[in-house]
Amino acid sequence: MKVRCFTPCEFKVGEMIYIDGGKRKGDWRVAALDDKNITLRCPMSGRELVWSRFCYEVSEIDRPAFIG
């Protein structure tokens, strides 16, 4: 039987990430971290959102340069 394996992503404050799908889709900068939450800042609008840690790293992709 085949199963999918997901690995929790270790974020770093200041790094740029791209979320591929869902309501969080798009480019983000990691603004803050704690044990349970991650604060993401939109590089275009500056809007910040706090979410429970949610991402799992599956692969890396090449993206054009971020704005901001």
N, C-alpha and C. Protein backbone atom coordinates (compact mmCIF):
# COMPACT_ATOMS: atom_id res chain seq x y z
N MET A 1 0.85 -1.17 0.00
CA MET A 1 0.00 0.00 0.00
C MET A 1 0.90 1.24 0.00
N LYS A 2 0.56 2.19 -0.82
CA LYS A 2 1.29 3.44 -0.86
C LYS A 2 0.57 4.47 0.00
N VAL A 3 1.34 5.26 0.70
CA VAL A 3 0.79 6.35 1.50
C VAL A 3 1.58 7.61 1.20
N ARG A 4 0.96 8.75 1.40
CA ARG A 4 1.65 10.03 1.25
C ARG A 4 2.28 10.41 2.57
N CYS A 5 3.49 10.90 2.50
CA CYS A 5 4.22 11.30 3.70
C CYS A 5 4.40 12.82 3.69
N PHE A 6 3.97 13.49 4.75
CA PHE A 6 4.09 14.94 4.89
C PHE A 6 5.03 15.23 6.05
N THR A 7 5.93 16.17 5.83
CA THR A 7 6.90 16.56 6.85
C THR A 7 6.62 17.99 7.28
N PRO A 8 6.47 18.25 8.60
CA PRO A 8 6.26 19.63 9.04
C PRO A 8 7.42 20.52 8.58
N CYS A 9 7.08 21.69 8.12
CA CYS A 9 8.06 22.64 7.62
C CYS A 9 8.62 23.48 8.76
N GLU A 10 9.92 23.62 8.81
CA GLU A 10 10.57 24.47 9.80
C GLU A 10 10.72 25.86 9.20
N PHE A 11 9.88 26.77 9.64
CA PHE A 11 9.91 28.14 9.13
C PHE A 11 10.98 28.96 9.82
N LYS A 12 11.40 30.04 9.15
CA LYS A 12 12.34 31.01 9.72
C LYS A 12 11.75 32.39 9.50
N VAL A 13 11.79 33.22 10.54
CA VAL A 13 11.30 34.59 10.42
C VAL A 13 12.07 35.30 9.31
N GLY A 14 11.34 35.98 8.44
CA GLY A 14 11.94 36.73 7.34
C GLY A 14 11.95 36.00 6.02
N GLU A 15 11.78 34.68 6.03
CA GLU A 15 11.84 33.95 4.76
C GLU A 15 10.56 34.14 3.96
N MET A 16 10.70 34.05 2.65
CA MET A 16 9.57 34.16 1.74
C MET A 16 9.07 32.76 1.42
N ILE A 17 7.75 32.60 1.41
CA ILE A 17 7.15 31.31 1.07
C ILE A 17 6.05 31.52 0.04
N TYR A 18 5.73 30.47 -0.67
CA TYR A 18 4.60 30.48 -1.60
C TYR A 18 3.69 29.33 -1.22
N ILE A 19 2.41 29.62 -1.02
CA ILE A 19 1.42 28.60 -0.69
C ILE A 19 0.62 28.33 -1.95
N ASP A 20 0.61 27.08 -2.35
CA ASP A 20 0.01 26.67 -3.62
C ASP A 20 -1.38 26.09 -3.40
N GLY A 21 -2.34 26.97 -3.14
CA GLY A 21 -3.72 26.51 -3.03
C GLY A 21 -4.39 26.92 -1.73
N GLY A 22 -5.71 26.82 -1.73
CA GLY A 22 -6.50 27.14 -0.54
C GLY A 22 -6.63 28.62 -0.30
N LYS A 23 -7.22 28.96 0.83
CA LYS A 23 -7.48 30.37 1.13
C LYS A 23 -6.23 31.16 1.45
N ARG A 24 -5.11 30.50 1.68
CA ARG A 24 -3.84 31.18 1.96
C ARG A 24 -2.96 31.28 0.72
N LYS A 25 -3.46 30.89 -0.44
CA LYS A 25 -2.67 30.81 -1.67
C LYS A 25 -1.96 32.14 -1.95
N GLY A 26 -0.69 32.03 -2.34
CA GLY A 26 0.05 33.21 -2.75
C GLY A 26 1.40 33.33 -2.09
N ASP A 27 2.00 34.50 -2.28
CA ASP A 27 3.32 34.81 -1.74
C ASP A 27 3.19 35.43 -0.35
N TRP A 28 4.04 35.01 0.57
CA TRP A 28 4.02 35.51 1.95
C TRP A 28 5.43 35.61 2.49
N ARG A 29 5.60 36.51 3.47
CA ARG A 29 6.83 36.57 4.26
C ARG A 29 6.48 36.11 5.67
N VAL A 30 7.31 35.28 6.27
CA VAL A 30 7.10 34.83 7.63
C VAL A 30 7.49 35.99 8.55
N ALA A 31 6.50 36.54 9.26
CA ALA A 31 6.73 37.72 10.10
C ALA A 31 7.03 37.36 11.56
N ALA A 32 6.43 36.27 12.06
CA ALA A 32 6.64 35.88 13.45
C ALA A 32 6.24 34.41 13.62
N LEU A 33 6.80 33.79 14.65
CA LEU A 33 6.53 32.39 14.96
C LEU A 33 6.41 32.20 16.45
N ASP A 34 5.59 31.26 16.87
CA ASP A 34 5.63 30.77 18.24
C ASP A 34 5.33 29.26 18.17
N ASP A 35 5.13 28.62 19.30
CA ASP A 35 4.95 27.17 19.31
C ASP A 35 3.72 26.71 18.52
N LYS A 36 2.69 27.54 18.47
CA LYS A 36 1.43 27.11 17.85
C LYS A 36 1.04 27.89 16.60
N ASN A 37 1.55 29.11 16.46
CA ASN A 37 1.08 29.97 15.37
C ASN A 37 2.22 30.50 14.50
N ILE A 38 1.82 30.92 13.31
CA ILE A 38 2.73 31.58 12.37
C ILE A 38 2.04 32.85 11.91
N THR A 39 2.77 33.96 11.88
CA THR A 39 2.24 35.22 11.36
C THR A 39 2.84 35.43 9.99
N LEU A 40 1.97 35.59 8.99
CA LEU A 40 2.38 35.80 7.61
C LEU A 40 2.05 37.21 7.20
N ARG A 41 2.95 37.83 6.43
CA ARG A 41 2.73 39.19 5.92
C ARG A 41 2.75 39.14 4.39
N CYS A 42 1.73 39.74 3.79
CA CYS A 42 1.67 39.83 2.34
C CYS A 42 2.71 40.84 1.88
N PRO A 43 3.61 40.46 0.94
CA PRO A 43 4.64 41.40 0.49
C PRO A 43 4.09 42.54 -0.36
N MET A 44 2.89 42.41 -0.87
CA MET A 44 2.29 43.46 -1.69
C MET A 44 1.53 44.48 -0.84
N SER A 45 0.62 43.99 0.02
CA SER A 45 -0.26 44.88 0.78
C SER A 45 0.24 45.17 2.19
N GLY A 46 1.12 44.32 2.71
CA GLY A 46 1.58 44.47 4.09
C GLY A 46 0.62 43.87 5.10
N ARG A 47 -0.50 43.35 4.64
CA ARG A 47 -1.50 42.74 5.52
C ARG A 47 -0.89 41.54 6.24
N GLU A 48 -1.18 41.42 7.54
CA GLU A 48 -0.67 40.30 8.33
C GLU A 48 -1.81 39.41 8.79
N LEU A 49 -1.57 38.11 8.76
CA LEU A 49 -2.54 37.12 9.22
C LEU A 49 -1.84 36.16 10.16
N VAL A 50 -2.53 35.79 11.22
CA VAL A 50 -1.99 34.81 12.17
C VAL A 50 -2.78 33.51 11.99
N TRP A 51 -2.06 32.43 11.77
CA TRP A 51 -2.68 31.12 11.55
C TRP A 51 -2.02 30.10 12.46
N SER A 52 -2.76 29.04 12.76
CA SER A 52 -2.12 27.88 13.38
C SER A 52 -1.11 27.34 12.39
N ARG A 53 -0.03 26.79 12.88
CA ARG A 53 0.96 26.22 11.96
C ARG A 53 0.27 25.15 11.12
N PHE A 54 0.47 25.21 9.83
CA PHE A 54 -0.35 24.41 8.92
C PHE A 54 0.41 23.80 7.77
N CYS A 55 1.56 24.33 7.42
CA CYS A 55 2.22 23.94 6.17
C CYS A 55 3.08 22.71 6.35
N TYR A 56 3.13 21.95 5.28
CA TYR A 56 4.01 20.81 5.20
C TYR A 56 4.81 20.94 3.92
N GLU A 57 6.10 20.76 4.02
CA GLU A 57 6.96 20.93 2.87
C GLU A 57 6.93 19.65 2.04
N VAL A 58 6.56 19.81 0.78
CA VAL A 58 6.51 18.68 -0.12
C VAL A 58 7.62 18.80 -1.16
N SER A 59 7.84 19.99 -1.67
CA SER A 59 8.88 20.21 -2.66
C SER A 59 9.22 21.69 -2.73
N GLU A 60 10.33 22.00 -3.38
CA GLU A 60 10.70 23.38 -3.64
C GLU A 60 10.46 23.67 -5.10
N ILE A 61 10.02 24.90 -5.39
CA ILE A 61 9.81 25.30 -6.78
C ILE A 61 10.52 26.61 -7.05
N ASP A 62 10.88 26.87 -8.29
CA ASP A 62 11.47 28.15 -8.68
C ASP A 62 10.34 29.15 -8.87
N ARG A 63 10.52 30.35 -8.31
CA ARG A 63 9.53 31.41 -8.42
C ARG A 63 10.24 32.67 -8.88
N PRO A 64 9.54 33.55 -9.59
CA PRO A 64 10.14 34.84 -9.94
C PRO A 64 10.44 35.63 -8.66
N ALA A 65 11.24 36.65 -8.76
CA ALA A 65 11.60 37.48 -7.61
C ALA A 65 10.36 38.04 -6.93
N PHE A 66 10.40 38.08 -5.61
CA PHE A 66 9.29 38.63 -4.83
C PHE A 66 9.36 40.15 -4.85
N ILE A 67 8.20 40.76 -4.74
CA ILE A 67 8.11 42.21 -4.62
C ILE A 67 8.04 42.52 -3.13
N GLY A 68 8.80 43.49 -2.67
CA GLY A 68 8.70 43.91 -1.28
C GLY A 68 9.81 43.48 -0.40
